[in-house]
Amino acid sequence: MEFLTNYGWIIVVILLGFLSLVTVNQGTIAVLTMFGKYRRILRPGLNIKIPILEQVFKTVSIQNRSVELEFQAVTIDQANVNFKSMLLYSVLNQDEETIKNVAFKFISDRDLMQALIRTVEGSIRSYVATKRQAEILLLRREIVEFVKEQIDISLEDWGYHLQDLQINDITFDARIMESMSKVVASNNLKAAAENEGQALLITKTKAAEAEGNAIKIAAEAEREAARLRGQGVALFRQEVARGMSQAAEQMKQANLDTNVILFSMWTEAVKNFAEYGKGNVIFLDGSANGMDRTMQQIMAMMKMKESS
């Protein structure tokens, strides 16, 4: 008892010293109040406060926080759109005024979360209500930019900043999804039919061009062959005529009858008819009178050639 009387004040001082020390964790800022009124803030590390009088009202986290949202919106053409998104937000900065707003604007973090979620949902619903169903899937970036522009002012007044809004999934009602699938399928079938028709047209066009080119080449080849055959026949006739003329001259010089040449030609013609003729029957007057008539015709042709 005597010890407490003599050294009690030392114990009180030590106790008050411990009570005056406050440790603030990294990533947080402590808000102090005195008699219920805002006093000051304490940064991360070891801090000193007035024992008993100053109280830690709230510890504010300055780290990034995220929350997932699932809600429904209605387009201007009365289509229900289901959204799944992720909201990333944080304290605007570490200024004293900002931390004061964060600590005293809402009673609890639950109330802040509810206000934040409802504000984001309301902004997205108001934007979707001005768009048609077919446009929504292409407007992810526009939706995010619209929401950030709409709620940044409110969040700054609360002491927060919206860092990112990711729209992870956009879906429609089952009937709408089914109708969209049918539209996509029909468009794919239409595109396939058009491609198939174009391919068939190209194939037939190329085939017609190839056939035309083949006919053209064959015609040119036939014309060239006919020309060559004509030249060959003409040369053959010239050589035959030249040979007959020379033979006739030689026989005249030898005082021989030139009718022997005609007789030889006649027999060679009969032989060629029989050997190379493609018909089944050859009608040929092989009598002496027939030969005589043929000889006379050949001699007449030769005389006409000599006179010309």
C-alpha atoms as a PDB file:
ATOM      1  CA  MET A   1       0.000   0.000   0.000  1.00  0.00           C
ATOM      2  CA  GLU A   2       2.825   2.303   0.831  1.00  0.00           C
ATOM      3  CA  PHE A   3       4.408   1.412  -2.524  1.00  0.00           C
ATOM      4  CA  LEU A   4       1.304   2.458  -4.430  1.00  0.00           C
ATOM      5  CA  THR A   5       1.181   5.688  -2.468  1.00  0.00           C
ATOM      6  CA  ASN A   6       4.806   6.536  -3.196  1.00  0.00           C
ATOM      7  CA  TYR A   7       5.036   5.268  -6.783  1.00  0.00           C
ATOM      8  CA  GLY A   8       1.448   5.344  -8.019  1.00  0.00           C
ATOM      9  CA  TRP A   9       1.985   8.425 -10.094  1.00  0.00           C
ATOM     10  CA  ILE A  10       4.748   6.592 -11.987  1.00  0.00           C
ATOM     11  CA  ILE A  11       2.327   3.828 -12.925  1.00  0.00           C
ATOM     12  CA  VAL A  12      -0.215   6.405 -14.084  1.00  0.00           C
ATOM     13  CA  VAL A  13       2.388   8.153 -16.246  1.00  0.00           C
ATOM     14  CA  ILE A  14       3.469   4.863 -17.819  1.00  0.00           C
ATOM     15  CA  LEU A  15      -0.149   3.906 -18.479  1.00  0.00           C
ATOM     16  CA  LEU A  16      -0.908   7.268 -20.043  1.00  0.00           C
ATOM     17  CA  GLY A  17       2.226   6.924 -22.173  1.00  0.00           C
ATOM     18  CA  PHE A  18       1.011   3.608 -23.566  1.00  0.00           C
ATOM     19  CA  LEU A  19      -2.437   5.040 -24.183  1.00  0.00           C
ATOM     20  CA  SER A  20      -0.951   7.963 -26.099  1.00  0.00           C
ATOM     21  CA  LEU A  21       0.792   5.681 -28.643  1.00  0.00           C
ATOM     22  CA  VAL A  22      -1.137   4.739 -31.790  1.00  0.00           C
ATOM     23  CA  THR A  23       0.112   2.452 -34.580  1.00  0.00           C
ATOM     24  CA  VAL A  24      -1.413   3.011 -38.020  1.00  0.00           C
ATOM     25  CA  ASN A  25      -0.935   0.215 -40.556  1.00  0.00           C
ATOM     26  CA  GLN A  26       0.449   0.795 -44.026  1.00  0.00           C
ATOM     27  CA  GLY A  27      -2.303   1.519 -46.574  1.00  0.00           C
ATOM     28  CA  THR A  28      -4.594   3.112 -44.005  1.00  0.00           C
ATOM     29  CA  ILE A  29      -5.097   6.522 -42.384  1.00  0.00           C
ATOM     30  CA  ALA A  30      -6.602   6.970 -38.898  1.00  0.00           C
ATOM     31  CA  VAL A  31      -9.161   9.711 -38.199  1.00  0.00           C
ATOM     32  CA  LEU A  32      -9.119  11.181 -34.675  1.00  0.00           C
ATOM     33  CA  THR A  33     -12.007  12.947 -32.927  1.00  0.00           C
ATOM     34  CA  MET A  34     -12.176  14.794 -29.625  1.00  0.00           C
ATOM     35  CA  PHE A  35     -15.502  14.896 -27.779  1.00  0.00           C
ATOM     36  CA  GLY A  36     -17.139  13.637 -31.011  1.00  0.00           C
ATOM     37  CA  LYS A  37     -15.679  16.402 -33.203  1.00  0.00           C
ATOM     38  CA  TYR A  38     -13.114  15.871 -35.948  1.00  0.00           C
ATOM     39  CA  ARG A  39      -9.613  16.547 -34.669  1.00  0.00           C
ATOM     40  CA  ARG A  40      -6.919  15.374 -37.132  1.00  0.00           C
ATOM     41  CA  ILE A  41      -5.599  12.396 -39.106  1.00  0.00           C
ATOM     42  CA  LEU A  42      -2.731  10.012 -38.395  1.00  0.00           C
ATOM     43  CA  ARG A  43      -0.481   8.667 -41.170  1.00  0.00           C
ATOM     44  CA  PRO A  44       0.902   5.083 -41.309  1.00  0.00           C
ATOM     45  CA  GLY A  45       3.458   4.309 -38.569  1.00  0.00           C
ATOM     46  CA  LEU A  46       3.766   5.135 -34.855  1.00  0.00           C
ATOM     47  CA  ASN A  47       1.803   8.227 -33.808  1.00  0.00           C
ATOM     48  CA  ILE A  48       1.013  10.041 -30.557  1.00  0.00           C
ATOM     49  CA  LYS A  49      -2.431  11.179 -29.440  1.00  0.00           C
ATOM     50  CA  ILE A  50      -3.846  12.770 -26.322  1.00  0.00           C
ATOM     51  CA  PRO A  51      -4.824   9.893 -24.059  1.00  0.00           C
ATOM     52  CA  ILE A  52      -8.509   9.503 -23.252  1.00  0.00           C
ATOM     53  CA  LEU A  53      -9.431  12.775 -24.983  1.00  0.00           C
ATOM     54  CA  GLU A  54      -8.558  11.881 -28.577  1.00  0.00           C
ATOM     55  CA  GLN A  55     -10.241   8.772 -29.972  1.00  0.00           C
ATOM     56  CA  VAL A  56      -9.694   6.867 -33.238  1.00  0.00           C
ATOM     57  CA  PHE A  57     -13.062   7.359 -34.930  1.00  0.00           C
ATOM     58  CA  LYS A  58     -12.350   5.361 -38.120  1.00  0.00           C
ATOM     59  CA  THR A  59      -9.485   3.845 -40.024  1.00  0.00           C
ATOM     60  CA  VAL A  60      -9.764   4.706 -43.717  1.00  0.00           C
ATOM     61  CA  SER A  61      -8.206   2.346 -46.285  1.00  0.00           C
ATOM     62  CA  ILE A  62      -6.471   4.073 -49.168  1.00  0.00           C
ATOM     63  CA  GLN A  63      -6.005   0.825 -51.091  1.00  0.00           C
ATOM     64  CA  ASN A  64      -7.904  -0.116 -54.232  1.00  0.00           C
ATOM     65  CA  ARG A  65     -11.218  -1.884 -53.708  1.00  0.00           C
ATOM     66  CA  SER A  66     -13.440  -3.792 -56.110  1.00  0.00           C
ATOM     67  CA  VAL A  67     -17.017  -4.982 -56.203  1.00  0.00           C
ATOM     68  CA  GLU A  68     -18.962  -7.140 -58.659  1.00  0.00           C
ATOM     69  CA  LEU A  69     -22.297  -5.963 -60.023  1.00  0.00           C
ATOM     70  CA  GLU A  70     -25.179  -7.921 -61.563  1.00  0.00           C
ATOM     71  CA  PHE A  71     -28.266  -6.037 -62.704  1.00  0.00           C
ATOM     72  CA  GLN A  72     -30.752  -5.668 -65.545  1.00  0.00           C
ATOM     73  CA  ALA A  73     -31.544  -2.783 -67.886  1.00  0.00           C
ATOM     74  CA  VAL A  74     -34.195  -2.206 -70.565  1.00  0.00           C
ATOM     75  CA  THR A  75     -33.481  -0.840 -74.052  1.00  0.00           C
ATOM     76  CA  ILE A  76     -35.628   1.644 -75.942  1.00  0.00           C
ATOM     77  CA  ASP A  77     -37.200  -1.261 -77.889  1.00  0.00           C
ATOM     78  CA  GLN A  78     -38.165  -3.020 -74.624  1.00  0.00           C
ATOM     79  CA  ALA A  79     -35.439  -5.686 -74.597  1.00  0.00           C
ATOM     80  CA  ASN A  80     -34.118  -6.847 -71.212  1.00  0.00           C
ATOM     81  CA  VAL A  81     -30.314  -6.730 -70.976  1.00  0.00           C
ATOM     82  CA  ASN A  82     -28.411  -8.477 -68.174  1.00  0.00           C
ATOM     83  CA  PHE A  83     -25.096  -6.963 -67.111  1.00  0.00           C
ATOM     84  CA  LYS A  84     -22.221  -8.481 -65.152  1.00  0.00           C
ATOM     85  CA  SER A  85     -19.485  -5.997 -64.349  1.00  0.00           C
ATOM     86  CA  MET A  86     -16.605  -5.277 -61.989  1.00  0.00           C
ATOM     87  CA  LEU A  87     -16.165  -1.887 -60.321  1.00  0.00           C
ATOM     88  CA  LEU A  88     -12.702  -0.750 -59.203  1.00  0.00           C
ATOM     89  CA  TYR A  89     -12.500   2.339 -56.979  1.00  0.00           C
ATOM     90  CA  SER A  90     -10.291   3.946 -54.346  1.00  0.00           C
ATOM     91  CA  VAL A  91      -9.898   7.010 -52.151  1.00  0.00           C
ATOM     92  CA  LEU A  92      -9.320  10.060 -54.358  1.00  0.00           C
ATOM     93  CA  ASN A  93      -6.091  11.139 -52.594  1.00  0.00           C
ATOM     94  CA  GLN A  94      -4.517  11.335 -49.147  1.00  0.00           C
ATOM     95  CA  ASP A  95      -5.334  14.975 -48.475  1.00  0.00           C
ATOM     96  CA  GLU A  96      -6.847  15.747 -45.088  1.00  0.00           C
ATOM     97  CA  GLU A  97     -10.065  17.132 -46.557  1.00  0.00           C
ATOM     98  CA  THR A  98     -10.528  14.042 -48.720  1.00  0.00           C
ATOM     99  CA  ILE A  99      -9.975  11.670 -45.799  1.00  0.00           C
ATOM    100  CA  LYS A 100     -12.417  13.727 -43.732  1.00  0.00           C
ATOM    101  CA  ASN A 101     -15.103  13.303 -46.420  1.00  0.00           C
ATOM    102  CA  VAL A 102     -14.485   9.567 -46.631  1.00  0.00           C
ATOM    103  CA  ALA A 103     -14.778   9.216 -42.856  1.00  0.00           C
ATOM    104  CA  PHE A 104     -17.926  11.274 -42.292  1.00  0.00           C
ATOM    105  CA  LYS A 105     -20.028  11.163 -45.508  1.00  0.00           C
ATOM    106  CA  PHE A 106     -21.469   7.722 -44.766  1.00  0.00           C
ATOM    107  CA  ILE A 107     -22.298   5.950 -41.552  1.00  0.00           C
ATOM    108  CA  SER A 108     -20.599   2.745 -42.654  1.00  0.00           C
ATOM    109  CA  ASP A 109     -18.862   1.161 -45.629  1.00  0.00           C
ATOM    110  CA  ARG A 110     -22.037  -0.785 -46.325  1.00  0.00           C
ATOM    111  CA  ASP A 111     -23.952   2.453 -46.935  1.00  0.00           C
ATOM    112  CA  LEU A 112     -21.149   3.699 -49.215  1.00  0.00           C
ATOM    113  CA  MET A 113     -21.222   0.448 -51.190  1.00  0.00           C
ATOM    114  CA  GLN A 114     -24.978   0.581 -51.610  1.00  0.00           C
ATOM    115  CA  ALA A 115     -24.880   4.191 -52.830  1.00  0.00           C
ATOM    116  CA  LEU A 116     -21.994   3.466 -55.193  1.00  0.00           C
ATOM    117  CA  ILE A 117     -23.653   0.399 -56.720  1.00  0.00           C
ATOM    118  CA  ARG A 118     -27.029   2.097 -57.161  1.00  0.00           C
ATOM    119  CA  THR A 119     -25.377   5.134 -58.761  1.00  0.00           C
ATOM    120  CA  VAL A 120     -23.486   3.005 -61.285  1.00  0.00           C
ATOM    121  CA  GLU A 121     -26.556   0.892 -62.073  1.00  0.00           C
ATOM    122  CA  GLY A 122     -28.699   3.986 -62.544  1.00  0.00           C
ATOM    123  CA  SER A 123     -26.182   5.554 -64.926  1.00  0.00           C
ATOM    124  CA  ILE A 124     -25.977   2.406 -67.054  1.00  0.00           C
ATOM    125  CA  ARG A 125     -29.769   1.981 -67.099  1.00  0.00           C
ATOM    126  CA  SER A 126     -30.289   5.577 -68.214  1.00  0.00           C
ATOM    127  CA  TYR A 127     -27.790   5.113 -71.041  1.00  0.00           C
ATOM    128  CA  VAL A 128     -29.175   1.739 -72.186  1.00  0.00           C
ATOM    129  CA  ALA A 129     -32.704   3.163 -72.206  1.00  0.00           C
ATOM    130  CA  THR A 130     -31.702   5.409 -75.135  1.00  0.00           C
ATOM    131  CA  LYS A 131     -30.252   2.587 -77.255  1.00  0.00           C
ATOM    132  CA  ARG A 132     -31.669  -0.293 -79.244  1.00  0.00           C
ATOM    133  CA  GLN A 133     -31.049  -3.947 -78.592  1.00  0.00           C
ATOM    134  CA  ALA A 134     -28.845  -4.414 -81.685  1.00  0.00           C
ATOM    135  CA  GLU A 135     -26.543  -1.563 -80.590  1.00  0.00           C
ATOM    136  CA  ILE A 136     -25.801  -2.639 -77.010  1.00  0.00           C
ATOM    137  CA  LEU A 137     -23.198  -5.329 -77.736  1.00  0.00           C
ATOM    138  CA  LEU A 138     -21.059  -2.803 -79.615  1.00  0.00           C
ATOM    139  CA  LEU A 139     -21.180  -0.080 -76.950  1.00  0.00           C
ATOM    140  CA  ARG A 140     -19.114  -1.462 -74.059  1.00  0.00           C
ATOM    141  CA  ARG A 141     -16.521   1.308 -74.183  1.00  0.00           C
ATOM    142  CA  GLU A 142     -19.161   4.012 -74.661  1.00  0.00           C
ATOM    143  CA  ILE A 143     -21.110   2.740 -71.640  1.00  0.00           C
ATOM    144  CA  VAL A 144     -18.004   2.832 -69.440  1.00  0.00           C
ATOM    145  CA  GLU A 145     -17.089   6.354 -70.551  1.00  0.00           C
ATOM    146  CA  PHE A 146     -20.658   7.566 -69.969  1.00  0.00           C
ATOM    147  CA  VAL A 147     -20.793   6.097 -66.454  1.00  0.00           C
ATOM    148  CA  LYS A 148     -17.442   7.551 -65.438  1.00  0.00           C
ATOM    149  CA  GLU A 149     -18.454  10.961 -66.720  1.00  0.00           C
ATOM    150  CA  GLN A 150     -21.767  10.840 -64.839  1.00  0.00           C
ATOM    151  CA  ILE A 151     -20.604   9.634 -61.417  1.00  0.00           C
ATOM    152  CA  ASP A 152     -17.088  11.087 -61.100  1.00  0.00           C
ATOM    153  CA  ILE A 153     -18.448  14.341 -59.637  1.00  0.00           C
ATOM    154  CA  SER A 154     -20.511  12.517 -56.990  1.00  0.00           C
ATOM    155  CA  LEU A 155     -17.623  10.227 -56.083  1.00  0.00           C
ATOM    156  CA  GLU A 156     -15.223  13.135 -55.718  1.00  0.00           C
ATOM    157  CA  ASP A 157     -17.660  14.776 -53.309  1.00  0.00           C
ATOM    158  CA  TRP A 158     -17.608  11.537 -51.288  1.00  0.00           C
ATOM    159  CA  GLY A 159     -13.798  11.406 -51.437  1.00  0.00           C
ATOM    160  CA  TYR A 160     -13.557   8.514 -53.899  1.00  0.00           C
ATOM    161  CA  HIS A 161     -12.451   7.986 -57.493  1.00  0.00           C
ATOM    162  CA  LEU A 162     -13.748   5.447 -60.014  1.00  0.00           C
ATOM    163  CA  GLN A 163     -10.620   3.888 -61.510  1.00  0.00           C
ATOM    164  CA  ASP A 164     -12.192   1.353 -63.833  1.00  0.00           C
ATOM    165  CA  LEU A 165     -15.495  -0.206 -64.794  1.00  0.00           C
ATOM    166  CA  GLN A 166     -15.252  -3.510 -66.664  1.00  0.00           C
ATOM    167  CA  ILE A 167     -18.375  -4.908 -68.287  1.00  0.00           C
ATOM    168  CA  ASN A 168     -17.574  -8.603 -68.344  1.00  0.00           C
ATOM    169  CA  ASP A 169     -20.797  -9.973 -69.774  1.00  0.00           C
ATOM    170  CA  ILE A 170     -23.853  -8.654 -71.616  1.00  0.00           C
ATOM    171  CA  THR A 171     -26.714 -11.102 -72.176  1.00  0.00           C
ATOM    172  CA  PHE A 172     -30.350 -10.926 -73.233  1.00  0.00           C
ATOM    173  CA  ASP A 173     -33.421 -12.963 -72.348  1.00  0.00           C
ATOM    174  CA  ALA A 174     -33.582 -16.536 -73.638  1.00  0.00           C
ATOM    175  CA  ARG A 175     -36.088 -15.702 -76.385  1.00  0.00           C
ATOM    176  CA  ILE A 176     -34.042 -12.755 -77.591  1.00  0.00           C
ATOM    177  CA  MET A 177     -30.856 -14.845 -77.574  1.00  0.00           C
ATOM    178  CA  GLU A 178     -32.634 -17.555 -79.569  1.00  0.00           C
ATOM    179  CA  SER A 179     -33.924 -15.054 -82.129  1.00  0.00           C
ATOM    180  CA  MET A 180     -30.460 -13.492 -82.420  1.00  0.00           C
ATOM    181  CA  SER A 181     -28.977 -16.948 -83.017  1.00  0.00           C
ATOM    182  CA  LYS A 182     -31.523 -17.578 -85.765  1.00  0.00           C
ATOM    183  CA  VAL A 183     -30.694 -14.246 -87.383  1.00  0.00           C
ATOM    184  CA  VAL A 184     -26.969 -15.032 -87.289  1.00  0.00           C
ATOM    185  CA  ALA A 185     -27.581 -18.536 -88.651  1.00  0.00           C
ATOM    186  CA  SER A 186     -29.771 -17.236 -91.489  1.00  0.00           C
ATOM    187  CA  ASN A 187     -27.184 -14.592 -92.369  1.00  0.00           C
ATOM    188  CA  ASN A 188     -24.483 -17.253 -92.424  1.00  0.00           C
ATOM    189  CA  LEU A 189     -26.615 -19.476 -94.677  1.00  0.00           C
ATOM    190  CA  LYS A 190     -27.295 -16.530 -96.966  1.00  0.00           C
ATOM    191  CA  ALA A 191     -23.590 -15.697 -97.173  1.00  0.00           C
ATOM    192  CA  ALA A 192     -22.765 -19.368 -97.820  1.00  0.00           C
ATOM    193  CA  ALA A 193     -25.364 -19.554-100.610  1.00  0.00           C
ATOM    194  CA  GLU A 194     -24.012 -16.371-102.183  1.00  0.00           C
ATOM    195  CA  ASN A 195     -20.454 -17.674-101.996  1.00  0.00           C
ATOM    196  CA  GLU A 196     -21.506 -21.019-103.445  1.00  0.00           C
ATOM    197  CA  GLY A 197     -23.365 -19.275-106.305  1.00  0.00           C
ATOM    198  CA  GLN A 198     -20.359 -17.100-107.058  1.00  0.00           C
ATOM    199  CA  ALA A 199     -18.060 -20.124-106.992  1.00  0.00           C
ATOM    200  CA  LEU A 200     -20.376 -22.028-109.356  1.00  0.00           C
ATOM    201  CA  LEU A 201     -20.569 -19.011-111.670  1.00  0.00           C
ATOM    202  CA  ILE A 202     -16.797 -18.693-111.709  1.00  0.00           C
ATOM    203  CA  THR A 203     -16.415 -22.441-112.361  1.00  0.00           C
ATOM    204  CA  LYS A 204     -18.860 -22.404-115.272  1.00  0.00           C
ATOM    205  CA  THR A 205     -17.322 -19.233-116.684  1.00  0.00           C
ATOM    206  CA  LYS A 206     -13.844 -20.720-116.552  1.00  0.00           C
ATOM    207  CA  ALA A 207     -15.113 -23.973-118.081  1.00  0.00           C
ATOM    208  CA  ALA A 208     -16.808 -22.056-120.913  1.00  0.00           C
ATOM    209  CA  GLU A 209     -13.653 -20.023-121.487  1.00  0.00           C
ATOM    210  CA  ALA A 210     -11.558 -23.188-121.535  1.00  0.00           C
ATOM    211  CA  GLU A 211     -13.951 -24.880-123.971  1.00  0.00           C
ATOM    212  CA  GLY A 212     -13.982 -21.812-126.208  1.00  0.00           C
ATOM    213  CA  ASN A 213     -10.196 -21.665-126.171  1.00  0.00           C
ATOM    214  CA  ALA A 214     -10.015 -25.383-126.980  1.00  0.00           C
ATOM    215  CA  ILE A 215     -12.422 -24.963-129.929  1.00  0.00           C
ATOM    216  CA  LYS A 216     -10.445 -21.961-131.123  1.00  0.00           C
ATOM    217  CA  ILE A 217      -7.165 -23.848-130.903  1.00  0.00           C
ATOM    218  CA  ALA A 218      -8.676 -26.891-132.646  1.00  0.00           C
ATOM    219  CA  ALA A 219     -10.093 -24.687-135.420  1.00  0.00           C
ATOM    220  CA  GLU A 220      -6.764 -22.964-135.927  1.00  0.00           C
ATOM    221  CA  ALA A 221      -5.008 -26.321-135.982  1.00  0.00           C
ATOM    222  CA  GLU A 222      -7.521 -27.695-138.497  1.00  0.00           C
ATOM    223  CA  ARG A 223      -7.120 -24.609-140.676  1.00  0.00           C
ATOM    224  CA  GLU A 224      -3.352 -24.927-140.575  1.00  0.00           C
ATOM    225  CA  ALA A 225      -3.596 -28.644-141.370  1.00  0.00           C
ATOM    226  CA  ALA A 226      -5.930 -27.943-144.287  1.00  0.00           C
ATOM    227  CA  ARG A 227      -3.558 -25.303-145.578  1.00  0.00           C
ATOM    228  CA  LEU A 228      -0.644 -27.693-145.374  1.00  0.00           C
ATOM    229  CA  ARG A 229      -2.657 -30.465-147.015  1.00  0.00           C
ATOM    230  CA  GLY A 230      -3.617 -28.102-149.835  1.00  0.00           C
ATOM    231  CA  GLN A 231      -0.003 -27.116-150.327  1.00  0.00           C
ATOM    232  CA  GLY A 232       0.987 -30.772-150.358  1.00  0.00           C
ATOM    233  CA  VAL A 233      -1.645 -31.692-152.932  1.00  0.00           C
ATOM    234  CA  ALA A 234      -0.653 -28.739-155.115  1.00  0.00           C
ATOM    235  CA  LEU A 235       3.016 -29.704-154.914  1.00  0.00           C
ATOM    236  CA  PHE A 236       2.098 -33.308-155.658  1.00  0.00           C
ATOM    237  CA  ARG A 237       0.149 -32.262-158.734  1.00  0.00           C
ATOM    238  CA  GLN A 238       2.975 -30.048-159.929  1.00  0.00           C
ATOM    239  CA  GLU A 239       5.472 -32.864-159.569  1.00  0.00           C
ATOM    240  CA  VAL A 240       3.148 -35.325-161.324  1.00  0.00           C
ATOM    241  CA  ALA A 241       2.606 -32.910-164.183  1.00  0.00           C
ATOM    242  CA  ARG A 242       6.337 -32.196-164.427  1.00  0.00           C
ATOM    243  CA  GLY A 243       7.122 -35.903-164.409  1.00  0.00           C
ATOM    244  CA  MET A 244       4.527 -36.699-167.062  1.00  0.00           C
ATOM    245  CA  SER A 245       5.797 -33.873-169.272  1.00  0.00           C
ATOM    246  CA  GLN A 246       9.358 -35.095-169.037  1.00  0.00           C
ATOM    247  CA  ALA A 247       8.320 -38.715-169.727  1.00  0.00           C
ATOM    248  CA  ALA A 248       6.299 -37.631-172.750  1.00  0.00           C
ATOM    249  CA  GLU A 249       9.240 -35.624-174.142  1.00  0.00           C
ATOM    250  CA  GLN A 250      11.589 -38.549-173.701  1.00  0.00           C
ATOM    251  CA  MET A 251       9.171 -40.947-175.414  1.00  0.00           C
ATOM    252  CA  LYS A 252       8.705 -38.541-178.333  1.00  0.00           C
ATOM    253  CA  GLN A 253      12.448 -38.309-178.752  1.00  0.00           C
ATOM    254  CA  ALA A 254      12.610 -42.127-178.754  1.00  0.00           C
ATOM    255  CA  ASN A 255       9.731 -42.337-181.326  1.00  0.00           C
ATOM    256  CA  LEU A 256       7.540 -44.222-178.777  1.00  0.00           C
ATOM    257  CA  ASP A 257       3.777 -43.949-178.377  1.00  0.00           C
ATOM    258  CA  THR A 258       2.878 -41.664-175.480  1.00  0.00           C
ATOM    259  CA  ASN A 259      -0.317 -43.616-174.872  1.00  0.00           C
ATOM    260  CA  VAL A 260       1.825 -46.049-172.921  1.00  0.00           C
ATOM    261  CA  ILE A 261       2.103 -43.382-170.201  1.00  0.00           C
ATOM    262  CA  LEU A 262      -1.655 -42.969-170.095  1.00  0.00           C
ATOM    263  CA  PHE A 263      -2.126 -46.719-169.896  1.00  0.00           C
ATOM    264  CA  SER A 264       0.331 -46.870-167.018  1.00  0.00           C
ATOM    265  CA  MET A 265      -1.522 -44.079-165.221  1.00  0.00           C
ATOM    266  CA  TRP A 266      -4.785 -45.878-165.752  1.00  0.00           C
ATOM    267  CA  THR A 267      -3.525 -49.133-164.249  1.00  0.00           C
ATOM    268  CA  GLU A 268      -1.948 -47.237-161.292  1.00  0.00           C
ATOM    269  CA  ALA A 269      -5.258 -45.485-160.650  1.00  0.00           C
ATOM    270  CA  VAL A 270      -7.159 -48.771-160.654  1.00  0.00           C
ATOM    271  CA  LYS A 271      -4.580 -50.214-158.275  1.00  0.00           C
ATOM    272  CA  ASN A 272      -4.844 -47.242-155.865  1.00  0.00           C
ATOM    273  CA  PHE A 273      -8.658 -47.399-155.918  1.00  0.00           C
ATOM    274  CA  ALA A 274      -8.545 -51.027-154.877  1.00  0.00           C
ATOM    275  CA  GLU A 275      -5.786 -50.581-152.290  1.00  0.00           C
ATOM    276  CA  TYR A 276      -6.682 -47.320-150.534  1.00  0.00           C
ATOM    277  CA  GLY A 277     -10.373 -46.883-151.201  1.00  0.00           C
ATOM    278  CA  LYS A 278     -12.428 -46.611-147.968  1.00  0.00           C
ATOM    279  CA  GLY A 279     -15.777 -47.547-149.491  1.00  0.00           C
ATOM    280  CA  ASN A 280     -17.106 -51.045-149.648  1.00  0.00           C
ATOM    281  CA  VAL A 281     -17.945 -50.826-153.392  1.00  0.00           C
ATOM    282  CA  ILE A 282     -16.086 -48.943-156.170  1.00  0.00           C
ATOM    283  CA  PHE A 283     -17.915 -48.466-159.458  1.00  0.00           C
ATOM    284  CA  LEU A 284     -15.253 -48.290-162.199  1.00  0.00           C
ATOM    285  CA  ASP A 285     -15.655 -48.781-165.910  1.00  0.00           C
ATOM    286  CA  GLY A 286     -12.728 -51.114-166.634  1.00  0.00           C
ATOM    287  CA  SER A 287     -13.672 -51.939-170.202  1.00  0.00           C
ATOM    288  CA  ALA A 288     -11.572 -51.003-173.220  1.00  0.00           C
ATOM    289  CA  ASN A 289     -14.072 -48.319-174.180  1.00  0.00           C
ATOM    290  CA  GLY A 290     -14.026 -46.913-170.661  1.00  0.00           C
ATOM    291  CA  MET A 291     -10.246 -46.821-170.676  1.00  0.00           C
ATOM    292  CA  ASP A 292     -10.277 -45.190-174.126  1.00  0.00           C
ATOM    293  CA  ARG A 293     -12.655 -42.464-172.941  1.00  0.00           C
ATOM    294  CA  THR A 294     -10.568 -41.842-169.849  1.00  0.00           C
ATOM    295  CA  MET A 295      -7.385 -41.657-171.959  1.00  0.00           C
ATOM    296  CA  GLN A 296      -8.991 -39.165-174.311  1.00  0.00           C
ATOM    297  CA  GLN A 297     -10.079 -36.977-171.369  1.00  0.00           C
ATOM    298  CA  ILE A 298      -6.564 -37.018-169.898  1.00  0.00           C
ATOM    299  CA  MET A 299      -4.999 -36.149-173.279  1.00  0.00           C
ATOM    300  CA  ALA A 300      -7.454 -33.328-173.730  1.00  0.00           C
ATOM    301  CA  MET A 301      -6.534 -31.931-170.293  1.00  0.00           C
ATOM    302  CA  MET A 302      -2.810 -32.200-171.155  1.00  0.00           C
ATOM    303  CA  LYS A 303      -3.314 -30.370-174.469  1.00  0.00           C
ATOM    304  CA  MET A 304      -5.247 -27.616-172.698  1.00  0.00           C
ATOM    305  CA  LYS A 305      -2.390 -27.253-170.227  1.00  0.00           C
ATOM    306  CA  GLU A 306       0.227 -27.110-173.010  1.00  0.00           C
ATOM    307  CA  SER A 307      -1.787 -24.522-174.957  1.00  0.00           C
ATOM    308  CA  SER A 308      -2.166 -22.392-171.829  1.00  0.00           C
END
